[in-house]
PDB file of N, CA and C in Angstrom:
ATOM      1  N   ILE A   1      -7.509   4.065  21.017  1.00  0.00           N
ATOM      2  CA  ILE A   1      -7.795   2.784  20.391  1.00  0.00           C
ATOM      3  C   ILE A   1      -6.811   2.531  19.253  1.00  0.00           C
ATOM      4  N   ARG A   2      -6.592   3.545  18.410  1.00  0.00           N
ATOM      5  CA  ARG A   2      -5.720   3.365  17.252  1.00  0.00           C
ATOM      6  C   ARG A   2      -4.315   2.959  17.664  1.00  0.00           C
ATOM      7  N   ASP A   3      -3.731   3.660  18.648  1.00  0.00           N
ATOM      8  CA  ASP A   3      -2.378   3.337  19.081  1.00  0.00           C
ATOM      9  C   ASP A   3      -2.302   1.905  19.598  1.00  0.00           C
ATOM     10  N   ARG A   4      -3.322   1.499  20.342  1.00  0.00           N
ATOM     11  CA  ARG A   4      -3.356   0.143  20.873  1.00  0.00           C
ATOM     12  C   ARG A   4      -3.396  -0.854  19.711  1.00  0.00           C
ATOM     13  N   TYR A   5      -4.199  -0.588  18.692  1.00  0.00           N
ATOM     14  CA  TYR A   5      -4.322  -1.465  17.534  1.00  0.00           C
ATOM     15  C   TYR A   5      -3.009  -1.532  16.774  1.00  0.00           C
ATOM     16  N   GLN A   6      -2.362  -0.390  16.569  1.00  0.00           N
ATOM     17  CA  GLN A   6      -1.116  -0.364  15.826  1.00  0.00           C
ATOM     18  C   GLN A   6      -0.019  -1.128  16.561  1.00  0.00           C
ATOM     19  N   ARG A   7      -0.034  -1.107  17.870  1.00  0.00           N
ATOM     20  CA  ARG A   7       0.967  -1.870  18.616  1.00  0.00           C
ATOM     21  C   ARG A   7       0.731  -3.359  18.459  1.00  0.00           C
ATOM     22  N   ARG A   8      -0.527  -3.751  18.381  1.00  0.00           N
ATOM     23  CA  ARG A   8      -0.872  -5.147  18.284  1.00  0.00           C
ATOM     24  C   ARG A   8      -0.677  -5.687  16.865  1.00  0.00           C
ATOM     25  N   VAL A   9      -1.038  -4.904  15.866  1.00  0.00           N
ATOM     26  CA  VAL A   9      -0.936  -5.320  14.482  1.00  0.00           C
ATOM     27  C   VAL A   9       0.100  -4.438  13.803  1.00  0.00           C
ATOM     28  N   HIS A  10       1.194  -5.024  13.367  1.00  0.00           N
ATOM     29  CA  HIS A  10       2.257  -4.231  12.759  1.00  0.00           C
ATOM     30  C   HIS A  10       2.964  -5.060  11.700  1.00  0.00           C
ATOM     31  N   GLY A  11       3.910  -4.442  11.055  1.00  0.00           N
ATOM     32  CA  GLY A  11       4.721  -5.143  10.059  1.00  0.00           C
ATOM     33  C   GLY A  11       3.892  -5.717   8.929  1.00  0.00           C
ATOM     34  N   ALA A  12       4.190  -6.955   8.567  1.00  0.00           N
ATOM     35  CA  ALA A  12       3.531  -7.606   7.436  1.00  0.00           C
ATOM     36  C   ALA A  12       2.021  -7.735   7.656  1.00  0.00           C
ATOM     37  N   ASP A  13       1.590  -7.986   8.890  1.00  0.00           N
ATOM     38  CA  ASP A  13       0.155  -8.110   9.159  1.00  0.00           C
ATOM     39  C   ASP A  13      -0.573  -6.796   8.911  1.00  0.00           C
ATOM     40  N   ARG A  14       0.025  -5.698   9.310  1.00  0.00           N
ATOM     41  CA  ARG A  14      -0.595  -4.389   9.099  1.00  0.00           C
ATOM     42  C   ARG A  14      -0.603  -4.053   7.608  1.00  0.00           C
ATOM     43  N   PHE A  15       0.461  -4.381   6.918  1.00  0.00           N
ATOM     44  CA  PHE A  15       0.524  -4.195   5.472  1.00  0.00           C
ATOM     45  C   PHE A  15      -0.585  -4.999   4.797  1.00  0.00           C
ATOM     46  N   ASN A  16      -0.730  -6.271   5.144  1.00  0.00           N
ATOM     47  CA  ASN A  16      -1.777  -7.112   4.559  1.00  0.00           C
ATOM     48  C   ASN A  16      -3.158  -6.518   4.819  1.00  0.00           C
ATOM     49  N   ASN A  17      -3.380  -6.029   6.040  1.00  0.00           N
ATOM     50  CA  ASN A  17      -4.662  -5.395   6.359  1.00  0.00           C
ATOM     51  C   ASN A  17      -4.877  -4.153   5.504  1.00  0.00           C
ATOM     52  N   ALA A  18      -3.839  -3.347   5.348  1.00  0.00           N
ATOM     53  CA  ALA A  18      -3.945  -2.120   4.562  1.00  0.00           C
ATOM     54  C   ALA A  18      -4.286  -2.447   3.108  1.00  0.00           C
ATOM     55  N   VAL A  19      -3.605  -3.434   2.529  1.00  0.00           N
ATOM     56  CA  VAL A  19      -3.878  -3.821   1.142  1.00  0.00           C
ATOM     57  C   VAL A  19      -5.304  -4.337   1.017  1.00  0.00           C
ATOM     58  N   TYR A  20      -5.735  -5.139   1.979  1.00  0.00           N
ATOM     59  CA  TYR A  20      -7.096  -5.692   1.948  1.00  0.00           C
ATOM     60  C   TYR A  20      -8.132  -4.574   1.980  1.00  0.00           C
ATOM     61  N   VAL A  21      -7.899  -3.580   2.814  1.00  0.00           N
ATOM     62  CA  VAL A  21      -8.829  -2.456   2.915  1.00  0.00           C
ATOM     63  C   VAL A  21      -8.842  -1.642   1.624  1.00  0.00           C
ATOM     64  N   VAL A  22      -7.679  -1.402   1.036  1.00  0.00           N
ATOM     65  CA  VAL A  22      -7.631  -0.650  -0.225  1.00  0.00           C
ATOM     66  C   VAL A  22      -8.394  -1.405  -1.317  1.00  0.00           C
ATOM     67  N   LYS A  23      -8.248  -2.723  -1.347  1.00  0.00           N
ATOM     68  CA  LYS A  23      -8.904  -3.510  -2.390  1.00  0.00           C
ATOM     69  C   LYS A  23     -10.389  -3.731  -2.130  1.00  0.00           C
ATOM     70  N   ASN A  24     -10.794  -3.763  -0.855  1.00  0.00           N
ATOM     71  CA  ASN A  24     -12.166  -4.172  -0.527  1.00  0.00           C
ATOM     72  C   ASN A  24     -12.957  -3.197   0.338  1.00  0.00           C
ATOM     73  N   GLY A  25     -12.291  -2.196   0.875  1.00  0.00           N
ATOM     74  CA  GLY A  25     -12.963  -1.347   1.856  1.00  0.00           C
ATOM     75  C   GLY A  25     -13.227   0.058   1.391  1.00  0.00           C
ATOM     76  N   THR A  26     -13.173   0.967   2.353  1.00  0.00           N
ATOM     77  CA  THR A  26     -13.561   2.354   2.114  1.00  0.00           C
ATOM     78  C   THR A  26     -12.366   3.289   2.009  1.00  0.00           C
ATOM     79  N   ALA A  27     -11.175   2.768   1.884  1.00  0.00           N
ATOM     80  CA  ALA A  27      -9.971   3.602   1.914  1.00  0.00           C
ATOM     81  C   ALA A  27      -9.616   4.208   0.562  1.00  0.00           C
ATOM     82  N   LYS A  28     -10.438   4.040  -0.433  1.00  0.00           N
ATOM     83  CA  LYS A  28     -10.100   4.537  -1.764  1.00  0.00           C
ATOM     84  C   LYS A  28     -10.245   6.042  -1.875  1.00  0.00           C
ATOM     85  N   ALA A  29     -11.162   6.617  -1.158  1.00  0.00           N
ATOM     86  CA  ALA A  29     -11.375   8.063  -1.055  1.00  0.00           C
ATOM     87  C   ALA A  29     -11.052   8.818  -2.349  1.00  0.00           C
ATOM     88  N   ASN A  30     -10.749  10.072  -2.225  1.00  0.00           N
ATOM     89  CA  ASN A  30     -10.430  10.921  -3.377  1.00  0.00           C
ATOM     90  C   ASN A  30      -8.941  11.193  -3.420  1.00  0.00           C
ATOM     91  N   SER A  31      -8.172  10.179  -3.670  1.00  0.00           N
ATOM     92  CA  SER A  31      -6.718  10.321  -3.718  1.00  0.00           C
ATOM     93  C   SER A  31      -6.294  10.960  -5.035  1.00  0.00           C
ATOM     94  N   SER A  32      -5.269  11.795  -4.963  1.00  0.00           N
ATOM     95  CA  SER A  32      -4.707  12.383  -6.174  1.00  0.00           C
ATOM     96  C   SER A  32      -3.885  11.327  -6.905  1.00  0.00           C
ATOM     97  N   ASN A  33      -3.549  11.605  -8.150  1.00  0.00           N
ATOM     98  CA  ASN A  33      -2.704  10.672  -8.906  1.00  0.00           C
ATOM     99  C   ASN A  33      -1.357  10.481  -8.222  1.00  0.00           C
ATOM    100  N   GLU A  34      -0.814  11.562  -7.670  1.00  0.00           N
ATOM    101  CA  GLU A  34       0.471  11.475  -6.972  1.00  0.00           C
ATOM    102  C   GLU A  34       0.368  10.536  -5.766  1.00  0.00           C
ATOM    103  N   GLU A  35      -0.718  10.651  -5.011  1.00  0.00           N
ATOM    104  CA  GLU A  35      -0.908   9.774  -3.855  1.00  0.00           C
ATOM    105  C   GLU A  35      -1.080   8.326  -4.296  1.00  0.00           C
ATOM    106  N   LYS A  36      -1.830   8.120  -5.368  1.00  0.00           N
ATOM    107  CA  LYS A  36      -2.019   6.766  -5.886  1.00  0.00           C
ATOM    108  C   LYS A  36      -0.691   6.161  -6.342  1.00  0.00           C
ATOM    109  N   LEU A  37       0.159   6.978  -6.959  1.00  0.00           N
ATOM    110  CA  LEU A  37       1.468   6.487  -7.400  1.00  0.00           C
ATOM    111  C   LEU A  37       2.340   6.094  -6.211  1.00  0.00           C
ATOM    112  N   LYS A  38       2.279   6.860  -5.136  1.00  0.00           N
ATOM    113  CA  LYS A  38       3.053   6.513  -3.939  1.00  0.00           C
ATOM    114  C   LYS A  38       2.591   5.179  -3.369  1.00  0.00           C
ATOM    115  N   VAL A  39       1.282   4.994  -3.287  1.00  0.00           N
ATOM    116  CA  VAL A  39       0.734   3.737  -2.772  1.00  0.00           C
ATOM    117  C   VAL A  39       1.131   2.588  -3.691  1.00  0.00           C
ATOM    118  N   TYR A  40       0.959   2.784  -4.988  1.00  0.00           N
ATOM    119  CA  TYR A  40       1.312   1.750  -5.974  1.00  0.00           C
ATOM    120  C   TYR A  40       2.783   1.357  -5.851  1.00  0.00           C
ATOM    121  N   SER A  41       3.660   2.358  -5.795  1.00  0.00           N
ATOM    122  CA  SER A  41       5.098   2.061  -5.771  1.00  0.00           C
ATOM    123  C   SER A  41       5.491   1.324  -4.498  1.00  0.00           C
ATOM    124  N   HIS A  42       4.907   1.697  -3.372  1.00  0.00           N
ATOM    125  CA  HIS A  42       5.216   0.978  -2.125  1.00  0.00           C
ATOM    126  C   HIS A  42       4.672  -0.453  -2.166  1.00  0.00           C
ATOM    127  N   PHE A  43       3.490  -0.632  -2.771  1.00  0.00           N
ATOM    128  CA  PHE A  43       2.942  -1.985  -2.913  1.00  0.00           C
ATOM    129  C   PHE A  43       3.876  -2.852  -3.764  1.00  0.00           C
ATOM    130  N   LYS A  44       4.305  -2.326  -4.915  1.00  0.00           N
ATOM    131  CA  LYS A  44       5.180  -3.087  -5.795  1.00  0.00           C
ATOM    132  C   LYS A  44       6.522  -3.394  -5.119  1.00  0.00           C
ATOM    133  N   GLN A  45       7.074  -2.413  -4.420  1.00  0.00           N
ATOM    134  CA  GLN A  45       8.361  -2.631  -3.748  1.00  0.00           C
ATOM    135  C   GLN A  45       8.212  -3.673  -2.645  1.00  0.00           C
ATOM    136  N   ALA A  46       7.077  -3.650  -1.948  1.00  0.00           N
ATOM    137  CA  ALA A  46       6.846  -4.601  -0.856  1.00  0.00           C
ATOM    138  C   ALA A  46       6.581  -6.015  -1.362  1.00  0.00           C
ATOM    139  N   THR A  47       5.947  -6.134  -2.516  1.00  0.00           N
ATOM    140  CA  THR A  47       5.560  -7.463  -2.989  1.00  0.00           C
ATOM    141  C   THR A  47       6.486  -8.054  -4.041  1.00  0.00           C
ATOM    142  N   VAL A  48       7.201  -7.199  -4.794  1.00  0.00           N
ATOM    143  CA  VAL A  48       8.075  -7.687  -5.859  1.00  0.00           C
ATOM    144  C   VAL A  48       9.543  -7.408  -5.551  1.00  0.00           C
ATOM    145  N   GLY A  49       9.804  -6.261  -4.944  1.00  0.00           N
ATOM    146  CA  GLY A  49      11.182  -5.821  -4.725  1.00  0.00           C
ATOM    147  C   GLY A  49      11.529  -4.753  -5.739  1.00  0.00           C
ATOM    148  N   ASP A  50      12.813  -4.610  -6.026  1.00  0.00           N
ATOM    149  CA  ASP A  50      13.242  -3.587  -6.968  1.00  0.00           C
ATOM    150  C   ASP A  50      12.590  -3.781  -8.336  1.00  0.00           C
ATOM    151  N   CYS A  51      12.340  -2.659  -8.998  1.00  0.00           N
ATOM    152  CA  CYS A  51      11.735  -2.653 -10.329  1.00  0.00           C
ATOM    153  C   CYS A  51      12.531  -3.582 -11.247  1.00  0.00           C
ATOM    154  N   ASN A  52      11.836  -4.509 -11.891  1.00  0.00           N
ATOM    155  CA  ASN A  52      12.510  -5.537 -12.681  1.00  0.00           C
ATOM    156  C   ASN A  52      12.021  -5.596 -14.134  1.00  0.00           C
ATOM    157  N   THR A  53      11.440  -4.501 -14.602  1.00  0.00           N
ATOM    158  CA  THR A  53      10.939  -4.448 -15.970  1.00  0.00           C
ATOM    159  C   THR A  53      11.543  -3.252 -16.699  1.00  0.00           C
ATOM    160  N   LYS A  54      11.448  -3.276 -18.019  1.00  0.00           N
ATOM    161  CA  LYS A  54      11.913  -2.138 -18.806  1.00  0.00           C
ATOM    162  C   LYS A  54      10.926  -0.986 -18.653  1.00  0.00           C
ATOM    163  N   ARG A  55      11.448   0.223 -18.752  1.00  0.00           N
ATOM    164  CA  ARG A  55      10.596   1.411 -18.679  1.00  0.00           C
ATOM    165  C   ARG A  55       9.694   1.436 -19.909  1.00  0.00           C
ATOM    166  N   PRO A  56       8.398   1.663 -19.727  1.00  0.00           N
ATOM    167  CA  PRO A  56       7.476   1.713 -20.865  1.00  0.00           C
ATOM    168  C   PRO A  56       7.851   2.809 -21.864  1.00  0.00           C
ATOM    169  N   GLY A  57       7.367   2.674 -23.075  1.00  0.00           N
ATOM    170  CA  GLY A  57       7.648   3.629 -24.137  1.00  0.00           C
ATOM    171  C   GLY A  57       7.031   4.994 -23.884  1.00  0.00           C
ATOM    172  N   MET A  58       7.434   5.951 -24.697  1.00  0.00           N
ATOM    173  CA  MET A  58       7.046   7.340 -24.454  1.00  0.00           C
ATOM    174  C   MET A  58       5.554   7.588 -24.610  1.00  0.00           C
ATOM    175  N   LEU A  59       4.827   6.746 -25.304  1.00  0.00           N
ATOM    176  CA  LEU A  59       3.387   6.957 -25.466  1.00  0.00           C
ATOM    177  C   LEU A  59       2.572   6.420 -24.291  1.00  0.00           C
ATOM    178  N   ASP A  60       3.179   5.610 -23.466  1.00  0.00           N
ATOM    179  CA  ASP A  60       2.490   5.041 -22.301  1.00  0.00           C
ATOM    180  C   ASP A  60       2.774   5.923 -21.086  1.00  0.00           C
ATOM    181  N   MET A  61       2.066   7.039 -21.002  1.00  0.00           N
ATOM    182  CA  MET A  61       2.313   8.009 -19.933  1.00  0.00           C
ATOM    183  C   MET A  61       2.025   7.425 -18.544  1.00  0.00           C
ATOM    184  N   ALA A  62       0.899   6.729 -18.412  1.00  0.00           N
ATOM    185  CA  ALA A  62       0.547   6.155 -17.114  1.00  0.00           C
ATOM    186  C   ALA A  62       1.557   5.078 -16.718  1.00  0.00           C
ATOM    187  N   GLY A  63       1.923   4.233 -17.666  1.00  0.00           N
ATOM    188  CA  GLY A  63       2.905   3.183 -17.392  1.00  0.00           C
ATOM    189  C   GLY A  63       4.246   3.751 -16.974  1.00  0.00           C
ATOM    190  N   LYS A  64       4.669   4.825 -17.647  1.00  0.00           N
ATOM    191  CA  LYS A  64       5.944   5.459 -17.277  1.00  0.00           C
ATOM    192  C   LYS A  64       5.873   6.066 -15.886  1.00  0.00           C
ATOM    193  N   ALA A  65       4.759   6.695 -15.558  1.00  0.00           N
ATOM    194  CA  ALA A  65       4.615   7.297 -14.225  1.00  0.00           C
ATOM    195  C   ALA A  65       4.679   6.223 -13.151  1.00  0.00           C
ATOM    196  N   LYS A  66       4.016   5.099 -13.380  1.00  0.00           N
ATOM    197  CA  LYS A  66       4.050   3.997 -12.411  1.00  0.00           C
ATOM    198  C   LYS A  66       5.464   3.426 -12.297  1.00  0.00           C
ATOM    199  N   TRP A  67       6.101   3.206 -13.446  1.00  0.00           N
ATOM    200  CA  TRP A  67       7.448   2.654 -13.454  1.00  0.00           C
ATOM    201  C   TRP A  67       8.408   3.587 -12.718  1.00  0.00           C
ATOM    202  N   ASP A  68       8.343   4.885 -13.013  1.00  0.00           N
ATOM    203  CA  ASP A  68       9.228   5.868 -12.374  1.00  0.00           C
ATOM    204  C   ASP A  68       9.025   5.897 -10.861  1.00  0.00           C
ATOM    205  N   ALA A  69       7.762   5.845 -10.426  1.00  0.00           N
ATOM    206  CA  ALA A  69       7.474   5.869  -8.989  1.00  0.00           C
ATOM    207  C   ALA A  69       8.047   4.631  -8.302  1.00  0.00           C
ATOM    208  N   TRP A  70       7.878   3.474  -8.929  1.00  0.00           N
ATOM    209  CA  TRP A  70       8.395   2.231  -8.360  1.00  0.00           C
ATOM    210  C   TRP A  70       9.917   2.223  -8.384  1.00  0.00           C
ATOM    211  N   ASP A  71      10.517   2.603  -9.512  1.00  0.00           N
ATOM    212  CA  ASP A  71      11.972   2.594  -9.637  1.00  0.00           C
ATOM    213  C   ASP A  71      12.634   3.552  -8.636  1.00  0.00           C
ATOM    214  N   ALA A  72      11.923   4.608  -8.259  1.00  0.00           N
ATOM    215  CA  ALA A  72      12.457   5.576  -7.288  1.00  0.00           C
ATOM    216  C   ALA A  72      12.668   4.944  -5.908  1.00  0.00           C
ATOM    217  N   LEU A  73      12.014   3.817  -5.653  1.00  0.00           N
ATOM    218  CA  LEU A  73      12.152   3.139  -4.352  1.00  0.00           C
ATOM    219  C   LEU A  73      13.217   2.039  -4.381  1.00  0.00           C
ATOM    220  N   LYS A  74      13.969   1.958  -5.456  1.00  0.00           N
ATOM    221  CA  LYS A  74      14.999   0.919  -5.608  1.00  0.00           C
ATOM    222  C   LYS A  74      15.887   0.878  -4.358  1.00  0.00           C
ATOM    223  N   GLY A  75      16.083  -0.314  -3.839  1.00  0.00           N
ATOM    224  CA  GLY A  75      16.928  -0.500  -2.668  1.00  0.00           C
ATOM    225  C   GLY A  75      16.169  -0.478  -1.353  1.00  0.00           C
ATOM    226  N   MET A  76      14.918  -0.042  -1.355  1.00  0.00           N
ATOM    227  CA  MET A  76      14.120  -0.032  -0.117  1.00  0.00           C
ATOM    228  C   MET A  76      13.782  -1.475   0.260  1.00  0.00           C
ATOM    229  N   SER A  77      13.913  -1.788   1.536  1.00  0.00           N
ATOM    230  CA  SER A  77      13.622  -3.142   2.001  1.00  0.00           C
ATOM    231  C   SER A  77      12.121  -3.425   1.951  1.00  0.00           C
ATOM    232  N   THR A  78      11.788  -4.705   1.923  1.00  0.00           N
ATOM    233  CA  THR A  78      10.385  -5.123   1.950  1.00  0.00           C
ATOM    234  C   THR A  78       9.693  -4.560   3.181  1.00  0.00           C
ATOM    235  N   GLU A  79      10.344  -4.674   4.335  1.00  0.00           N
ATOM    236  CA  GLU A  79       9.751  -4.194   5.581  1.00  0.00           C
ATOM    237  C   GLU A  79       9.484  -2.688   5.536  1.00  0.00           C
ATOM    238  N   ASP A  80      10.449  -1.920   5.033  1.00  0.00           N
ATOM    239  CA  ASP A  80      10.259  -0.471   4.944  1.00  0.00           C
ATOM    240  C   ASP A  80       9.156  -0.115   3.954  1.00  0.00           C
ATOM    241  N   ALA A  81       9.064  -0.853   2.854  1.00  0.00           N
ATOM    242  CA  ALA A  81       8.003  -0.600   1.876  1.00  0.00           C
ATOM    243  C   ALA A  81       6.633  -0.927   2.475  1.00  0.00           C
ATOM    244  N   GLN A  82       6.555  -2.007   3.256  1.00  0.00           N
ATOM    245  CA  GLN A  82       5.296  -2.359   3.915  1.00  0.00           C
ATOM    246  C   GLN A  82       4.885  -1.280   4.915  1.00  0.00           C
ATOM    247  N   LYS A  83       5.836  -0.833   5.715  1.00  0.00           N
ATOM    248  CA  LYS A  83       5.554   0.243   6.676  1.00  0.00           C
ATOM    249  C   LYS A  83       5.140   1.516   5.951  1.00  0.00           C
ATOM    250  N   GLY A  84       5.835   1.826   4.861  1.00  0.00           N
ATOM    251  CA  GLY A  84       5.514   3.017   4.091  1.00  0.00           C
ATOM    252  C   GLY A  84       4.124   2.958   3.500  1.00  0.00           C
ATOM    253  N   TYR A  85       3.725   1.793   3.025  1.00  0.00           N
ATOM    254  CA  TYR A  85       2.387   1.610   2.452  1.00  0.00           C
ATOM    255  C   TYR A  85       1.319   1.905   3.513  1.00  0.00           C
ATOM    256  N   ALA A  86       1.478   1.305   4.689  1.00  0.00           N
ATOM    257  CA  ALA A  86       0.503   1.528   5.772  1.00  0.00           C
ATOM    258  C   ALA A  86       0.518   2.988   6.218  1.00  0.00           C
ATOM    259  N   ALA A  87       1.694   3.601   6.275  1.00  0.00           N
ATOM    260  CA  ALA A  87       1.792   5.011   6.677  1.00  0.00           C
ATOM    261  C   ALA A  87       1.095   5.919   5.667  1.00  0.00           C
ATOM    262  N   LEU A  88       1.223   5.604   4.368  1.00  0.00           N
ATOM    263  CA  LEU A  88       0.528   6.390   3.344  1.00  0.00           C
ATOM    264  C   LEU A  88      -0.982   6.273   3.512  1.00  0.00           C
ATOM    265  N   LEU A  89      -1.449   5.084   3.829  1.00  0.00           N
ATOM    266  CA  LEU A  89      -2.881   4.900   4.058  1.00  0.00           C
ATOM    267  C   LEU A  89      -3.326   5.667   5.302  1.00  0.00           C
ATOM    268  N   ASP A  90      -2.472   5.701   6.331  1.00  0.00           N
ATOM    269  CA  ASP A  90      -2.777   6.495   7.527  1.00  0.00           C
ATOM    270  C   ASP A  90      -2.983   7.967   7.165  1.00  0.00           C
ATOM    271  N   GLU A  91      -2.134   8.478   6.260  1.00  0.00           N
ATOM    272  CA  GLU A  91      -2.224   9.884   5.843  1.00  0.00           C
ATOM    273  C   GLU A  91      -3.449  10.137   4.973  1.00  0.00           C
ATOM    274  N   GLN A  92      -3.710   9.237   4.043  1.00  0.00           N
ATOM    275  CA  GLN A  92      -4.766   9.443   3.064  1.00  0.00           C
ATOM    276  C   GLN A  92      -6.160   9.108   3.589  1.00  0.00           C
ATOM    277  N   SER A  93      -6.243   8.163   4.499  1.00  0.00           N
ATOM    278  CA  SER A  93      -7.529   7.719   5.052  1.00  0.00           C
ATOM    279  C   SER A  93      -7.398   7.519   6.554  1.00  0.00           C
ATOM    280  N   PRO A  94      -7.233   8.618   7.306  1.00  0.00           N
ATOM    281  CA  PRO A  94      -7.090   8.477   8.761  1.00  0.00           C
ATOM    282  C   PRO A  94      -8.239   7.649   9.347  1.00  0.00           C
ATOM    283  N   GLY A  95      -7.884   6.741  10.230  1.00  0.00           N
ATOM    284  CA  GLY A  95      -8.893   5.893  10.874  1.00  0.00           C
ATOM    285  C   GLY A  95      -9.338   4.707  10.030  1.00  0.00           C
ATOM    286  N   TRP A  96      -8.566   4.381   8.999  1.00  0.00           N
ATOM    287  CA  TRP A  96      -8.966   3.291   8.108  1.00  0.00           C
ATOM    288  C   TRP A  96      -9.149   1.967   8.835  1.00  0.00           C
ATOM    289  N   GLU A  97      -8.363   1.739   9.866  1.00  0.00           N
ATOM    290  CA  GLU A  97      -8.486   0.468  10.598  1.00  0.00           C
ATOM    291  C   GLU A  97      -9.807   0.387  11.350  1.00  0.00           C
ATOM    292  N   GLU A  98     -10.174   1.483  12.026  1.00  0.00           N
ATOM    293  CA  GLU A  98     -11.420   1.501  12.781  1.00  0.00           C
ATOM    294  C   GLU A  98     -12.624   1.487  11.841  1.00  0.00           C
ATOM    295  N   THR A  99     -12.552   2.283  10.780  1.00  0.00           N
ATOM    296  CA  THR A  99     -13.651   2.363   9.827  1.00  0.00           C
ATOM    297  C   THR A  99     -13.920   1.012   9.172  1.00  0.00           C
ATOM    298  N   ASN A 100     -12.897   0.219   8.996  1.00  0.00           N
ATOM    299  CA  ASN A 100     -13.014  -1.074   8.312  1.00  0.00           C
ATOM    300  C   ASN A 100     -12.830  -2.257   9.254  1.00  0.00           C
ATOM    301  N   ALA A 101     -13.076  -2.040  10.543  1.00  0.00           N
ATOM    302  CA  ALA A 101     -12.857  -3.101  11.539  1.00  0.00           C
ATOM    303  C   ALA A 101     -13.669  -4.358  11.223  1.00  0.00           C
ATOM    304  N   GLU A 102     -14.914  -4.182  10.832  1.00  0.00           N
ATOM    305  CA  GLU A 102     -15.771  -5.344  10.526  1.00  0.00           C
ATOM    306  C   GLU A 102     -15.245  -6.079   9.295  1.00  0.00           C
ATOM    307  N   LEU A 103     -14.844  -5.343   8.294  1.00  0.00           N
ATOM    308  CA  LEU A 103     -14.266  -5.944   7.086  1.00  0.00           C
ATOM    309  C   LEU A 103     -13.021  -6.751   7.433  1.00  0.00           C
ATOM    310  N   LEU A 104     -12.143  -6.155   8.252  1.00  0.00           N
ATOM    311  CA  LEU A 104     -10.907  -6.837   8.625  1.00  0.00           C
ATOM    312  C   LEU A 104     -11.179  -8.071   9.481  1.00  0.00           C
ATOM    313  N   LYS A 105     -12.203  -7.996  10.311  1.00  0.00           N
ATOM    314  CA  LYS A 105     -12.558  -9.142  11.147  1.00  0.00           C
ATOM    315  C   LYS A 105     -12.982 -10.326  10.281  1.00  0.00           C
ATOM    316  N   ASN A 106     -13.571 -10.034   9.126  1.00  0.00           N
ATOM    317  CA  ASN A 106     -14.060 -11.085   8.231  1.00  0.00           C
ATOM    318  C   ASN A 106     -13.099 -11.399   7.085  1.00  0.00           C
ATOM    319  N   LYS A 107     -11.882 -10.865   7.157  1.00  0.00           N
ATOM    320  CA  LYS A 107     -10.865 -11.138   6.130  1.00  0.00           C
ATOM    321  C   LYS A 107     -10.564 -12.644   6.145  1.00  0.00           C
ATOM    322  N   PRO A 108     -10.528 -13.283   4.996  1.00  0.00           N
ATOM    323  CA  PRO A 108     -10.234 -14.718   4.961  1.00  0.00           C
ATOM    324  C   PRO A 108      -8.911 -15.056   5.646  1.00  0.00           C
ATOM    325  N   GLU A 109      -8.917 -16.125   6.395  1.00  0.00           N
ATOM    326  CA  GLU A 109      -7.704 -16.594   7.091  1.00  0.00           C
ATOM    327  C   GLU A 109      -6.593 -16.823   6.097  1.00  0.00           C
ATOM    328  N   GLY A 110      -5.409 -16.288   6.381  1.00  0.00           N
ATOM    329  CA  GLY A 110      -4.240 -16.485   5.546  1.00  0.00           C
ATOM    330  C   GLY A 110      -4.214 -15.634   4.280  1.00  0.00           C
ATOM    331  N   TRP A 111      -5.139 -14.668   4.162  1.00  0.00           N
ATOM    332  CA  TRP A 111      -5.180 -13.809   2.969  1.00  0.00           C
ATOM    333  C   TRP A 111      -3.892 -13.018   2.851  1.00  0.00           C
ATOM    334  N   THR A 112      -3.313 -13.002   1.662  1.00  0.00           N
ATOM    335  CA  THR A 112      -2.142 -12.168   1.394  1.00  0.00           C
ATOM    336  C   THR A 112      -2.334 -11.533   0.027  1.00  0.00           C
ATOM    337  N   PRO A 113      -1.717 -10.365  -0.162  1.00  0.00           N
ATOM    338  CA  PRO A 113      -1.859  -9.686  -1.452  1.00  0.00           C
ATOM    339  C   PRO A 113      -1.143 -10.432  -2.575  1.00  0.00           C
TER     340      PRO A 113
END
């Protein structure tokens, strides 16, 4: 079932579904900070592009970690960042599409992150 679904829903649509599930579904699980940073950086690269802000000051540890993770993806295409985001969700929450099928079926038409 999963392979069939992935063939049907891919690229930007799969990315949008993945973001929707992370924001509204059951894919939050017990991710480590490192895993959360990978997801965050791929989301930012996919939606904004290359890091376009100054690095936070030395007292903002969380901000620096997020900035560093995002800046590390500099030059990655939107499409690759979208694929990477969905692939990270596949690793962290196997079966997220099936588990959240009802949620995705009721996703508002035209929803984008």
